[in-house]
Amino acid sequence: MEKLLATLKPYFKPGMERRRALMTIFGVTTGGLSVGFFKQSAFGVDPFQCLCAGLDNVIPIDFGTLYVIINAVLLVAVLLMNRKYIGLGTFINLFLLGYVVDFSNNTIYNLVGEPGMALRVIYLIIGLVVMCLASALYMTADLGVSTYDAIALHLAAKKIAPFRFIRIATDLCCVGVGFAFGYVPGVGTILAAFCMGPLISWFNGKVAQPLLNGKNK
Protein backbone atom coordinates (compact mmCIF):
# COMPACT_ATOMS: atom_id res chain seq x y z
CA MET A 1 0.00 0.00 0.00
CA GLU A 2 2.80 2.43 0.86
CA LYS A 3 4.46 1.75 -2.48
CA LEU A 4 1.19 2.41 -4.31
CA LEU A 5 0.65 5.69 -2.45
CA ALA A 6 4.22 6.77 -3.20
CA THR A 7 3.60 6.08 -6.89
CA LEU A 8 0.36 8.07 -6.96
CA LYS A 9 1.53 10.99 -4.80
CA PRO A 10 3.24 13.02 -7.59
CA TYR A 11 -0.02 13.14 -9.56
CA PHE A 12 -1.77 15.09 -6.81
CA LYS A 13 0.88 17.81 -6.51
CA PRO A 14 0.65 21.05 -8.51
CA GLY A 15 2.55 20.98 -11.77
CA MET A 16 3.01 18.86 -14.84
CA GLU A 17 2.24 15.47 -13.28
CA ARG A 18 -1.08 16.60 -11.88
CA ARG A 19 -1.96 18.19 -15.21
CA ARG A 20 -1.20 14.90 -16.98
CA ALA A 21 -3.31 12.96 -14.49
CA LEU A 22 -6.26 15.34 -14.85
CA MET A 23 -6.03 15.23 -18.65
CA THR A 24 -6.02 11.43 -18.50
CA ILE A 25 -9.01 11.15 -16.17
CA PHE A 26 -10.98 13.86 -17.98
CA GLY A 27 -10.11 12.47 -21.40
CA VAL A 28 -11.10 8.88 -20.67
CA THR A 29 -14.33 9.73 -18.84
CA THR A 30 -15.36 12.31 -21.46
CA GLY A 31 -14.63 9.73 -24.13
CA GLY A 32 -17.02 7.37 -22.36
CA LEU A 33 -19.71 10.04 -22.30
CA SER A 34 -19.22 10.63 -26.03
CA VAL A 35 -19.79 6.94 -26.77
CA GLY A 36 -23.25 7.35 -25.24
CA PHE A 37 -24.07 9.99 -27.88
CA PHE A 38 -22.56 7.76 -30.57
CA LYS A 39 -24.74 4.83 -29.50
CA GLN A 40 -27.89 6.97 -29.29
CA SER A 41 -27.33 8.13 -32.87
CA ALA A 42 -27.98 4.51 -33.97
CA PHE A 43 -25.67 4.92 -36.97
CA GLY A 44 -23.45 2.01 -35.96
CA VAL A 45 -20.71 1.45 -33.43
CA ASP A 46 -17.09 2.63 -33.45
CA PRO A 47 -14.58 0.48 -35.43
CA PHE A 48 -13.21 -1.47 -32.46
CA GLN A 49 -16.72 -2.32 -31.28
CA CYS A 50 -17.47 -3.40 -34.86
CA LEU A 51 -14.62 -5.91 -34.63
CA CYS A 52 -15.93 -7.21 -31.30
CA ALA A 53 -19.50 -7.44 -32.61
CA GLY A 54 -18.35 -9.48 -35.61
CA LEU A 55 -16.35 -11.90 -33.47
CA ASP A 56 -19.34 -12.17 -31.14
CA ASN A 57 -21.30 -13.66 -34.06
CA VAL A 58 -18.92 -16.60 -34.39
CA ILE A 59 -17.54 -17.18 -30.89
CA PRO A 60 -20.13 -18.88 -28.62
CA ILE A 61 -19.60 -16.91 -25.39
CA ASP A 62 -21.38 -13.85 -24.04
CA PHE A 63 -20.24 -10.47 -25.35
CA GLY A 64 -18.96 -9.16 -22.02
CA THR A 65 -16.61 -12.10 -21.59
CA LEU A 66 -15.47 -11.89 -25.20
CA TYR A 67 -14.74 -8.19 -24.84
CA VAL A 68 -12.57 -8.84 -21.78
CA ILE A 69 -10.69 -11.62 -23.62
CA ILE A 70 -10.01 -9.42 -26.67
CA ASN A 71 -8.69 -6.63 -24.45
CA ALA A 72 -6.60 -9.11 -22.47
CA VAL A 73 -4.98 -10.39 -25.68
CA LEU A 74 -4.27 -6.82 -26.79
CA LEU A 75 -2.91 -6.01 -23.34
CA VAL A 76 -0.40 -8.84 -23.60
CA ALA A 77 0.57 -7.66 -27.09
CA VAL A 78 1.12 -4.11 -25.85
CA LEU A 79 3.20 -5.33 -22.91
CA LEU A 80 5.41 -7.19 -25.36
CA MET A 81 5.69 -4.20 -27.72
CA ASN A 82 6.14 -1.33 -25.28
CA ARG A 83 4.80 -1.31 -21.75
CA LYS A 84 5.04 2.49 -21.50
CA TYR A 85 1.56 2.59 -23.04
CA ILE A 86 0.14 0.80 -20.00
CA GLY A 87 -0.76 3.09 -17.12
CA LEU A 88 -3.55 5.01 -15.40
CA GLY A 89 -5.49 5.58 -18.62
CA THR A 90 -5.33 1.89 -19.52
CA PHE A 91 -6.88 0.74 -16.27
CA ILE A 92 -9.58 3.42 -16.31
CA ASN A 93 -10.46 2.20 -19.81
CA LEU A 94 -10.53 -1.44 -18.73
CA PHE A 95 -12.45 -1.17 -15.48
CA LEU A 96 -14.50 2.06 -15.48
CA LEU A 97 -15.22 3.04 -19.09
CA GLY A 98 -18.09 0.58 -19.50
CA TYR A 99 -19.94 2.10 -16.55
CA VAL A 100 -19.44 5.63 -17.90
CA VAL A 101 -20.78 4.56 -21.32
CA ASP A 102 -23.85 2.92 -19.76
CA PHE A 103 -24.51 6.01 -17.62
CA SER A 104 -24.19 8.33 -20.63
CA ASN A 105 -26.34 6.16 -22.90
CA ASN A 106 -29.13 5.71 -20.33
CA THR A 107 -29.09 9.35 -19.20
CA ILE A 108 -29.37 10.73 -22.73
CA TYR A 109 -32.26 8.37 -23.53
CA ASN A 110 -34.08 9.11 -20.27
CA LEU A 111 -33.75 12.87 -20.75
CA VAL A 112 -34.58 13.09 -24.45
CA GLY A 113 -36.27 9.83 -25.40
CA GLU A 114 -36.23 8.30 -28.88
CA PRO A 115 -34.39 10.76 -31.17
CA GLY A 116 -35.58 11.77 -34.63
CA MET A 117 -33.30 11.78 -37.66
CA ALA A 118 -32.04 15.35 -37.17
CA LEU A 119 -31.18 14.69 -33.53
CA ARG A 120 -29.48 11.40 -34.44
CA VAL A 121 -27.19 13.28 -36.83
CA ILE A 122 -26.39 15.82 -34.08
CA TYR A 123 -25.66 12.97 -31.66
CA LEU A 124 -23.32 11.39 -34.20
CA ILE A 125 -21.38 14.63 -34.72
CA ILE A 126 -21.14 15.29 -30.97
CA GLY A 127 -20.09 11.70 -30.28
CA LEU A 128 -17.40 11.62 -32.96
CA VAL A 129 -15.90 15.06 -32.27
CA VAL A 130 -15.88 14.73 -28.48
CA MET A 131 -14.50 11.18 -28.71
CA CYS A 132 -11.57 12.42 -30.79
CA LEU A 133 -10.91 15.40 -28.49
CA ALA A 134 -11.01 13.13 -25.44
CA SER A 135 -8.65 10.65 -27.09
CA ALA A 136 -6.17 13.41 -27.92
CA LEU A 137 -6.21 14.61 -24.30
CA TYR A 138 -5.43 11.30 -22.67
CA MET A 139 -3.01 10.13 -25.36
CA THR A 140 -1.02 13.37 -25.04
CA ALA A 141 -1.00 13.07 -21.24
CA ASP A 142 1.01 9.86 -21.79
CA LEU A 143 -0.16 8.05 -18.67
CA GLY A 144 -1.39 4.96 -20.45
CA VAL A 145 -3.92 4.45 -23.23
CA SER A 146 -6.48 1.83 -24.16
CA THR A 147 -5.05 -1.42 -25.48
CA TYR A 148 -6.45 -0.69 -28.95
CA ASP A 149 -5.12 2.89 -29.10
CA ALA A 150 -1.67 1.61 -28.12
CA ILE A 151 -1.34 -0.37 -31.37
CA ALA A 152 -1.51 2.70 -33.63
CA LEU A 153 0.63 4.78 -31.28
CA HIS A 154 3.34 2.11 -31.21
CA LEU A 155 3.41 1.79 -35.00
CA ALA A 156 3.54 5.58 -35.36
CA ALA A 157 6.42 5.75 -32.89
CA LYS A 158 8.28 3.27 -35.12
CA LYS A 159 8.01 5.85 -37.95
CA ILE A 160 6.06 3.46 -40.15
CA ALA A 161 3.65 6.27 -41.02
CA PRO A 162 2.01 9.27 -39.31
CA PHE A 163 -0.48 8.35 -36.60
CA ARG A 164 -3.49 9.65 -38.53
CA PHE A 165 -2.86 7.23 -41.41
CA ILE A 166 -2.07 4.26 -39.19
CA ARG A 167 -5.25 4.86 -37.20
CA ILE A 168 -7.30 4.91 -40.39
CA ALA A 169 -5.68 1.61 -41.40
CA THR A 170 -6.30 -0.10 -38.04
CA ASP A 171 -9.87 1.19 -37.90
CA LEU A 172 -10.58 -0.08 -41.41
CA CYS A 173 -9.10 -3.46 -40.47
CA CYS A 174 -11.51 -3.64 -37.52
CA VAL A 175 -14.45 -2.75 -39.74
CA GLY A 176 -13.36 -5.32 -42.34
CA VAL A 177 -13.04 -8.12 -39.79
CA GLY A 178 -16.36 -7.23 -38.19
CA PHE A 179 -18.08 -7.22 -41.59
CA ALA A 180 -16.43 -10.51 -42.60
CA PHE A 181 -17.95 -12.16 -39.51
CA GLY A 182 -21.45 -10.88 -40.07
CA TYR A 183 -21.70 -7.43 -38.50
CA VAL A 184 -22.96 -4.80 -40.94
CA PRO A 185 -21.25 -1.46 -40.15
CA GLY A 186 -23.36 1.69 -40.11
CA VAL A 187 -22.66 5.09 -41.60
CA GLY A 188 -21.24 6.23 -38.27
CA THR A 189 -18.83 3.30 -38.20
CA ILE A 190 -17.43 4.14 -41.63
CA LEU A 191 -17.26 7.84 -40.81
CA ALA A 192 -15.39 7.11 -37.60
CA ALA A 193 -12.93 4.82 -39.40
CA PHE A 194 -11.89 7.58 -41.79
CA CYS A 195 -12.14 10.58 -39.45
CA MET A 196 -10.85 9.52 -36.03
CA GLY A 197 -7.15 9.40 -36.95
CA PRO A 198 -7.05 12.86 -38.59
CA LEU A 199 -9.29 14.44 -35.93
CA ILE A 200 -7.28 13.03 -33.02
CA SER A 201 -4.08 14.33 -34.64
CA TRP A 202 -5.66 17.76 -35.16
CA PHE A 203 -6.91 18.03 -31.58
CA ASN A 204 -3.52 16.84 -30.35
CA GLY A 205 -1.72 19.74 -32.04
CA LYS A 206 -4.35 22.42 -31.47
CA VAL A 207 -5.66 21.57 -28.00
CA ALA A 208 -3.92 18.78 -26.10
CA GLN A 209 -0.28 19.74 -26.60
CA PRO A 210 -0.85 23.45 -25.83
CA LEU A 211 -2.88 22.47 -22.76
CA LEU A 212 -0.13 20.20 -21.47
CA ASN A 213 2.92 22.34 -22.31
CA GLY A 214 1.56 25.86 -22.61
CA LYS A 215 0.39 27.42 -25.86
CA ASN A 216 3.77 28.98 -26.62
CA LYS A 217 5.73 25.70 -26.40
C-alpha atoms as a PDB file:
ATOM      1  CA  MET A   1       0.000   0.000   0.000  1.00  0.00           C
ATOM      2  CA  GLU A   2       2.797   2.431   0.862  1.00  0.00           C
ATOM      3  CA  LYS A   3       4.460   1.751  -2.476  1.00  0.00           C
ATOM      4  CA  LEU A   4       1.187   2.413  -4.311  1.00  0.00           C
ATOM      5  CA  LEU A   5       0.646   5.689  -2.446  1.00  0.00           C
ATOM      6  CA  ALA A   6       4.216   6.771  -3.199  1.00  0.00           C
ATOM      7  CA  THR A   7       3.595   6.082  -6.893  1.00  0.00           C
ATOM      8  CA  LEU A   8       0.360   8.072  -6.961  1.00  0.00           C
ATOM      9  CA  LYS A   9       1.534  10.994  -4.802  1.00  0.00           C
ATOM     10  CA  PRO A  10       3.245  13.015  -7.591  1.00  0.00           C
ATOM     11  CA  TYR A  11      -0.018  13.142  -9.559  1.00  0.00           C
ATOM     12  CA  PHE A  12      -1.766  15.094  -6.807  1.00  0.00           C
ATOM     13  CA  LYS A  13       0.880  17.808  -6.508  1.00  0.00           C
ATOM     14  CA  PRO A  14       0.648  21.052  -8.506  1.00  0.00           C
ATOM     15  CA  GLY A  15       2.551  20.978 -11.766  1.00  0.00           C
ATOM     16  CA  MET A  16       3.011  18.860 -14.844  1.00  0.00           C
ATOM     17  CA  GLU A  17       2.239  15.465 -13.283  1.00  0.00           C
ATOM     18  CA  ARG A  18      -1.085  16.601 -11.881  1.00  0.00           C
ATOM     19  CA  ARG A  19      -1.958  18.185 -15.209  1.00  0.00           C
ATOM     20  CA  ARG A  20      -1.203  14.901 -16.980  1.00  0.00           C
ATOM     21  CA  ALA A  21      -3.311  12.962 -14.485  1.00  0.00           C
ATOM     22  CA  LEU A  22      -6.258  15.345 -14.853  1.00  0.00           C
ATOM     23  CA  MET A  23      -6.026  15.225 -18.650  1.00  0.00           C
ATOM     24  CA  THR A  24      -6.018  11.427 -18.503  1.00  0.00           C
ATOM     25  CA  ILE A  25      -9.006  11.150 -16.174  1.00  0.00           C
ATOM     26  CA  PHE A  26     -10.979  13.856 -17.979  1.00  0.00           C
ATOM     27  CA  GLY A  27     -10.112  12.472 -21.405  1.00  0.00           C
ATOM     28  CA  VAL A  28     -11.099   8.879 -20.671  1.00  0.00           C
ATOM     29  CA  THR A  29     -14.333   9.732 -18.843  1.00  0.00           C
ATOM     30  CA  THR A  30     -15.361  12.309 -21.460  1.00  0.00           C
ATOM     31  CA  GLY A  31     -14.628   9.727 -24.129  1.00  0.00           C
ATOM     32  CA  GLY A  32     -17.016   7.372 -22.356  1.00  0.00           C
ATOM     33  CA  LEU A  33     -19.712  10.043 -22.300  1.00  0.00           C
ATOM     34  CA  SER A  34     -19.225  10.634 -26.031  1.00  0.00           C
ATOM     35  CA  VAL A  35     -19.792   6.937 -26.769  1.00  0.00           C
ATOM     36  CA  GLY A  36     -23.254   7.354 -25.241  1.00  0.00           C
ATOM     37  CA  PHE A  37     -24.070   9.989 -27.880  1.00  0.00           C
ATOM     38  CA  PHE A  38     -22.556   7.756 -30.570  1.00  0.00           C
ATOM     39  CA  LYS A  39     -24.741   4.832 -29.501  1.00  0.00           C
ATOM     40  CA  GLN A  40     -27.886   6.965 -29.285  1.00  0.00           C
ATOM     41  CA  SER A  41     -27.331   8.127 -32.872  1.00  0.00           C
ATOM     42  CA  ALA A  42     -27.976   4.509 -33.971  1.00  0.00           C
ATOM     43  CA  PHE A  43     -25.670   4.922 -36.969  1.00  0.00           C
ATOM     44  CA  GLY A  44     -23.448   2.013 -35.961  1.00  0.00           C
ATOM     45  CA  VAL A  45     -20.705   1.447 -33.431  1.00  0.00           C
ATOM     46  CA  ASP A  46     -17.085   2.626 -33.446  1.00  0.00           C
ATOM     47  CA  PRO A  47     -14.581   0.485 -35.433  1.00  0.00           C
ATOM     48  CA  PHE A  48     -13.209  -1.468 -32.463  1.00  0.00           C
ATOM     49  CA  GLN A  49     -16.725  -2.322 -31.282  1.00  0.00           C
ATOM     50  CA  CYS A  50     -17.473  -3.399 -34.862  1.00  0.00           C
ATOM     51  CA  LEU A  51     -14.622  -5.912 -34.632  1.00  0.00           C
ATOM     52  CA  CYS A  52     -15.931  -7.210 -31.303  1.00  0.00           C
ATOM     53  CA  ALA A  53     -19.502  -7.444 -32.608  1.00  0.00           C
ATOM     54  CA  GLY A  54     -18.354  -9.478 -35.606  1.00  0.00           C
ATOM     55  CA  LEU A  55     -16.350 -11.899 -33.466  1.00  0.00           C
ATOM     56  CA  ASP A  56     -19.340 -12.175 -31.139  1.00  0.00           C
ATOM     57  CA  ASN A  57     -21.300 -13.658 -34.059  1.00  0.00           C
ATOM     58  CA  VAL A  58     -18.922 -16.602 -34.394  1.00  0.00           C
ATOM     59  CA  ILE A  59     -17.542 -17.183 -30.888  1.00  0.00           C
ATOM     60  CA  PRO A  60     -20.128 -18.883 -28.618  1.00  0.00           C
ATOM     61  CA  ILE A  61     -19.601 -16.910 -25.393  1.00  0.00           C
ATOM     62  CA  ASP A  62     -21.376 -13.848 -24.035  1.00  0.00           C
ATOM     63  CA  PHE A  63     -20.241 -10.472 -25.351  1.00  0.00           C
ATOM     64  CA  GLY A  64     -18.956  -9.155 -22.025  1.00  0.00           C
ATOM     65  CA  THR A  65     -16.610 -12.105 -21.585  1.00  0.00           C
ATOM     66  CA  LEU A  66     -15.473 -11.893 -25.204  1.00  0.00           C
ATOM     67  CA  TYR A  67     -14.736  -8.189 -24.837  1.00  0.00           C
ATOM     68  CA  VAL A  68     -12.570  -8.836 -21.782  1.00  0.00           C
ATOM     69  CA  ILE A  69     -10.690 -11.625 -23.622  1.00  0.00           C
ATOM     70  CA  ILE A  70     -10.007  -9.419 -26.667  1.00  0.00           C
ATOM     71  CA  ASN A  71      -8.688  -6.634 -24.452  1.00  0.00           C
ATOM     72  CA  ALA A  72      -6.597  -9.108 -22.467  1.00  0.00           C
ATOM     73  CA  VAL A  73      -4.981 -10.386 -25.680  1.00  0.00           C
ATOM     74  CA  LEU A  74      -4.265  -6.820 -26.794  1.00  0.00           C
ATOM     75  CA  LEU A  75      -2.908  -6.007 -23.344  1.00  0.00           C
ATOM     76  CA  VAL A  76      -0.398  -8.845 -23.600  1.00  0.00           C
ATOM     77  CA  ALA A  77       0.568  -7.658 -27.089  1.00  0.00           C
ATOM     78  CA  VAL A  78       1.119  -4.107 -25.848  1.00  0.00           C
ATOM     79  CA  LEU A  79       3.198  -5.326 -22.908  1.00  0.00           C
ATOM     80  CA  LEU A  80       5.409  -7.191 -25.359  1.00  0.00           C
ATOM     81  CA  MET A  81       5.689  -4.200 -27.723  1.00  0.00           C
ATOM     82  CA  ASN A  82       6.145  -1.335 -25.281  1.00  0.00           C
ATOM     83  CA  ARG A  83       4.798  -1.305 -21.753  1.00  0.00           C
ATOM     84  CA  LYS A  84       5.038   2.491 -21.503  1.00  0.00           C
ATOM     85  CA  TYR A  85       1.555   2.588 -23.044  1.00  0.00           C
ATOM     86  CA  ILE A  86       0.142   0.805 -19.998  1.00  0.00           C
ATOM     87  CA  GLY A  87      -0.764   3.095 -17.123  1.00  0.00           C
ATOM     88  CA  LEU A  88      -3.545   5.010 -15.404  1.00  0.00           C
ATOM     89  CA  GLY A  89      -5.487   5.581 -18.622  1.00  0.00           C
ATOM     90  CA  THR A  90      -5.326   1.893 -19.521  1.00  0.00           C
ATOM     91  CA  PHE A  91      -6.876   0.740 -16.269  1.00  0.00           C
ATOM     92  CA  ILE A  92      -9.580   3.418 -16.310  1.00  0.00           C
ATOM     93  CA  ASN A  93     -10.456   2.197 -19.811  1.00  0.00           C
ATOM     94  CA  LEU A  94     -10.527  -1.442 -18.734  1.00  0.00           C
ATOM     95  CA  PHE A  95     -12.448  -1.166 -15.477  1.00  0.00           C
ATOM     96  CA  LEU A  96     -14.496   2.060 -15.483  1.00  0.00           C
ATOM     97  CA  LEU A  97     -15.219   3.036 -19.087  1.00  0.00           C
ATOM     98  CA  GLY A  98     -18.090   0.581 -19.505  1.00  0.00           C
ATOM     99  CA  TYR A  99     -19.943   2.100 -16.550  1.00  0.00           C
ATOM    100  CA  VAL A 100     -19.445   5.633 -17.902  1.00  0.00           C
ATOM    101  CA  VAL A 101     -20.781   4.558 -21.317  1.00  0.00           C
ATOM    102  CA  ASP A 102     -23.851   2.923 -19.756  1.00  0.00           C
ATOM    103  CA  PHE A 103     -24.507   6.011 -17.622  1.00  0.00           C
ATOM    104  CA  SER A 104     -24.193   8.329 -20.627  1.00  0.00           C
ATOM    105  CA  ASN A 105     -26.340   6.157 -22.899  1.00  0.00           C
ATOM    106  CA  ASN A 106     -29.127   5.705 -20.327  1.00  0.00           C
ATOM    107  CA  THR A 107     -29.095   9.348 -19.203  1.00  0.00           C
ATOM    108  CA  ILE A 108     -29.372  10.728 -22.733  1.00  0.00           C
ATOM    109  CA  TYR A 109     -32.258   8.375 -23.527  1.00  0.00           C
ATOM    110  CA  ASN A 110     -34.081   9.108 -20.266  1.00  0.00           C
ATOM    111  CA  LEU A 111     -33.754  12.872 -20.749  1.00  0.00           C
ATOM    112  CA  VAL A 112     -34.578  13.089 -24.453  1.00  0.00           C
ATOM    113  CA  GLY A 113     -36.270   9.830 -25.402  1.00  0.00           C
ATOM    114  CA  GLU A 114     -36.226   8.303 -28.884  1.00  0.00           C
ATOM    115  CA  PRO A 115     -34.393  10.762 -31.174  1.00  0.00           C
ATOM    116  CA  GLY A 116     -35.584  11.772 -34.627  1.00  0.00           C
ATOM    117  CA  MET A 117     -33.296  11.775 -37.658  1.00  0.00           C
ATOM    118  CA  ALA A 118     -32.039  15.346 -37.172  1.00  0.00           C
ATOM    119  CA  LEU A 119     -31.179  14.694 -33.527  1.00  0.00           C
ATOM    120  CA  ARG A 120     -29.480  11.402 -34.437  1.00  0.00           C
ATOM    121  CA  VAL A 121     -27.185  13.281 -36.827  1.00  0.00           C
ATOM    122  CA  ILE A 122     -26.393  15.820 -34.079  1.00  0.00           C
ATOM    123  CA  TYR A 123     -25.659  12.972 -31.661  1.00  0.00           C
ATOM    124  CA  LEU A 124     -23.318  11.392 -34.205  1.00  0.00           C
ATOM    125  CA  ILE A 125     -21.380  14.631 -34.716  1.00  0.00           C
ATOM    126  CA  ILE A 126     -21.144  15.292 -30.968  1.00  0.00           C
ATOM    127  CA  GLY A 127     -20.089  11.702 -30.275  1.00  0.00           C
ATOM    128  CA  LEU A 128     -17.402  11.621 -32.957  1.00  0.00           C
ATOM    129  CA  VAL A 129     -15.896  15.055 -32.274  1.00  0.00           C
ATOM    130  CA  VAL A 130     -15.884  14.729 -28.479  1.00  0.00           C
ATOM    131  CA  MET A 131     -14.503  11.175 -28.709  1.00  0.00           C
ATOM    132  CA  CYS A 132     -11.567  12.424 -30.789  1.00  0.00           C
ATOM    133  CA  LEU A 133     -10.912  15.404 -28.494  1.00  0.00           C
ATOM    134  CA  ALA A 134     -11.012  13.130 -25.439  1.00  0.00           C
ATOM    135  CA  SER A 135      -8.650  10.649 -27.092  1.00  0.00           C
ATOM    136  CA  ALA A 136      -6.171  13.415 -27.923  1.00  0.00           C
ATOM    137  CA  LEU A 137      -6.212  14.607 -24.304  1.00  0.00           C
ATOM    138  CA  TYR A 138      -5.431  11.296 -22.667  1.00  0.00           C
ATOM    139  CA  MET A 139      -3.006  10.132 -25.359  1.00  0.00           C
ATOM    140  CA  THR A 140      -1.016  13.370 -25.036  1.00  0.00           C
ATOM    141  CA  ALA A 141      -0.999  13.070 -21.243  1.00  0.00           C
ATOM    142  CA  ASP A 142       1.013   9.858 -21.791  1.00  0.00           C
ATOM    143  CA  LEU A 143      -0.156   8.049 -18.667  1.00  0.00           C
ATOM    144  CA  GLY A 144      -1.393   4.960 -20.449  1.00  0.00           C
ATOM    145  CA  VAL A 145      -3.921   4.455 -23.230  1.00  0.00           C
ATOM    146  CA  SER A 146      -6.484   1.826 -24.161  1.00  0.00           C
ATOM    147  CA  THR A 147      -5.047  -1.420 -25.482  1.00  0.00           C
ATOM    148  CA  TYR A 148      -6.450  -0.689 -28.949  1.00  0.00           C
ATOM    149  CA  ASP A 149      -5.120   2.890 -29.100  1.00  0.00           C
ATOM    150  CA  ALA A 150      -1.672   1.613 -28.122  1.00  0.00           C
ATOM    151  CA  ILE A 151      -1.337  -0.370 -31.367  1.00  0.00           C
ATOM    152  CA  ALA A 152      -1.509   2.697 -33.631  1.00  0.00           C
ATOM    153  CA  LEU A 153       0.630   4.781 -31.277  1.00  0.00           C
ATOM    154  CA  HIS A 154       3.336   2.112 -31.210  1.00  0.00           C
ATOM    155  CA  LEU A 155       3.410   1.793 -35.003  1.00  0.00           C
ATOM    156  CA  ALA A 156       3.537   5.580 -35.363  1.00  0.00           C
ATOM    157  CA  ALA A 157       6.423   5.750 -32.894  1.00  0.00           C
ATOM    158  CA  LYS A 158       8.279   3.274 -35.122  1.00  0.00           C
ATOM    159  CA  LYS A 159       8.010   5.855 -37.948  1.00  0.00           C
ATOM    160  CA  ILE A 160       6.062   3.456 -40.149  1.00  0.00           C
ATOM    161  CA  ALA A 161       3.650   6.274 -41.023  1.00  0.00           C
ATOM    162  CA  PRO A 162       2.007   9.267 -39.305  1.00  0.00           C
ATOM    163  CA  PHE A 163      -0.477   8.349 -36.600  1.00  0.00           C
ATOM    164  CA  ARG A 164      -3.491   9.650 -38.534  1.00  0.00           C
ATOM    165  CA  PHE A 165      -2.864   7.229 -41.409  1.00  0.00           C
ATOM    166  CA  ILE A 166      -2.066   4.259 -39.193  1.00  0.00           C
ATOM    167  CA  ARG A 167      -5.247   4.864 -37.203  1.00  0.00           C
ATOM    168  CA  ILE A 168      -7.305   4.910 -40.391  1.00  0.00           C
ATOM    169  CA  ALA A 169      -5.683   1.605 -41.399  1.00  0.00           C
ATOM    170  CA  THR A 170      -6.295  -0.101 -38.040  1.00  0.00           C
ATOM    171  CA  ASP A 171      -9.874   1.192 -37.902  1.00  0.00           C
ATOM    172  CA  LEU A 172     -10.585  -0.081 -41.409  1.00  0.00           C
ATOM    173  CA  CYS A 173      -9.103  -3.461 -40.467  1.00  0.00           C
ATOM    174  CA  CYS A 174     -11.509  -3.636 -37.516  1.00  0.00           C
ATOM    175  CA  VAL A 175     -14.447  -2.749 -39.745  1.00  0.00           C
ATOM    176  CA  GLY A 176     -13.358  -5.318 -42.339  1.00  0.00           C
ATOM    177  CA  VAL A 177     -13.037  -8.124 -39.789  1.00  0.00           C
ATOM    178  CA  GLY A 178     -16.360  -7.230 -38.191  1.00  0.00           C
ATOM    179  CA  PHE A 179     -18.079  -7.224 -41.590  1.00  0.00           C
ATOM    180  CA  ALA A 180     -16.435 -10.507 -42.596  1.00  0.00           C
ATOM    181  CA  PHE A 181     -17.948 -12.157 -39.513  1.00  0.00           C
ATOM    182  CA  GLY A 182     -21.447 -10.877 -40.069  1.00  0.00           C
ATOM    183  CA  TYR A 183     -21.698  -7.430 -38.501  1.00  0.00           C
ATOM    184  CA  VAL A 184     -22.958  -4.799 -40.936  1.00  0.00           C
ATOM    185  CA  PRO A 185     -21.248  -1.459 -40.149  1.00  0.00           C
ATOM    186  CA  GLY A 186     -23.360   1.688 -40.110  1.00  0.00           C
ATOM    187  CA  VAL A 187     -22.661   5.086 -41.601  1.00  0.00           C
ATOM    188  CA  GLY A 188     -21.239   6.229 -38.270  1.00  0.00           C
ATOM    189  CA  THR A 189     -18.829   3.297 -38.199  1.00  0.00           C
ATOM    190  CA  ILE A 190     -17.431   4.138 -41.633  1.00  0.00           C
ATOM    191  CA  LEU A 191     -17.263   7.844 -40.813  1.00  0.00           C
ATOM    192  CA  ALA A 192     -15.386   7.109 -37.596  1.00  0.00           C
ATOM    193  CA  ALA A 193     -12.931   4.820 -39.397  1.00  0.00           C
ATOM    194  CA  PHE A 194     -11.886   7.580 -41.789  1.00  0.00           C
ATOM    195  CA  CYS A 195     -12.136  10.581 -39.445  1.00  0.00           C
ATOM    196  CA  MET A 196     -10.846   9.523 -36.028  1.00  0.00           C
ATOM    197  CA  GLY A 197      -7.152   9.401 -36.953  1.00  0.00           C
ATOM    198  CA  PRO A 198      -7.054  12.861 -38.586  1.00  0.00           C
ATOM    199  CA  LEU A 199      -9.293  14.439 -35.927  1.00  0.00           C
ATOM    200  CA  ILE A 200      -7.277  13.029 -33.016  1.00  0.00           C
ATOM    201  CA  SER A 201      -4.078  14.332 -34.638  1.00  0.00           C
ATOM    202  CA  TRP A 202      -5.664  17.765 -35.165  1.00  0.00           C
ATOM    203  CA  PHE A 203      -6.910  18.027 -31.577  1.00  0.00           C
ATOM    204  CA  ASN A 204      -3.522  16.844 -30.349  1.00  0.00           C
ATOM    205  CA  GLY A 205      -1.722  19.739 -32.040  1.00  0.00           C
ATOM    206  CA  LYS A 206      -4.349  22.419 -31.471  1.00  0.00           C
ATOM    207  CA  VAL A 207      -5.663  21.569 -28.002  1.00  0.00           C
ATOM    208  CA  ALA A 208      -3.918  18.780 -26.097  1.00  0.00           C
ATOM    209  CA  GLN A 209      -0.281  19.740 -26.604  1.00  0.00           C
ATOM    210  CA  PRO A 210      -0.850  23.448 -25.835  1.00  0.00           C
ATOM    211  CA  LEU A 211      -2.883  22.465 -22.763  1.00  0.00           C
ATOM    212  CA  LEU A 212      -0.126  20.203 -21.467  1.00  0.00           C
ATOM    213  CA  ASN A 213       2.915  22.338 -22.314  1.00  0.00           C
ATOM    214  CA  GLY A 214       1.562  25.862 -22.610  1.00  0.00           C
ATOM    215  CA  LYS A 215       0.386  27.424 -25.855  1.00  0.00           C
ATOM    216  CA  ASN A 216       3.774  28.978 -26.619  1.00  0.00           C
ATOM    217  CA  LYS A 217       5.728  25.702 -26.401  1.00  0.00           C
END
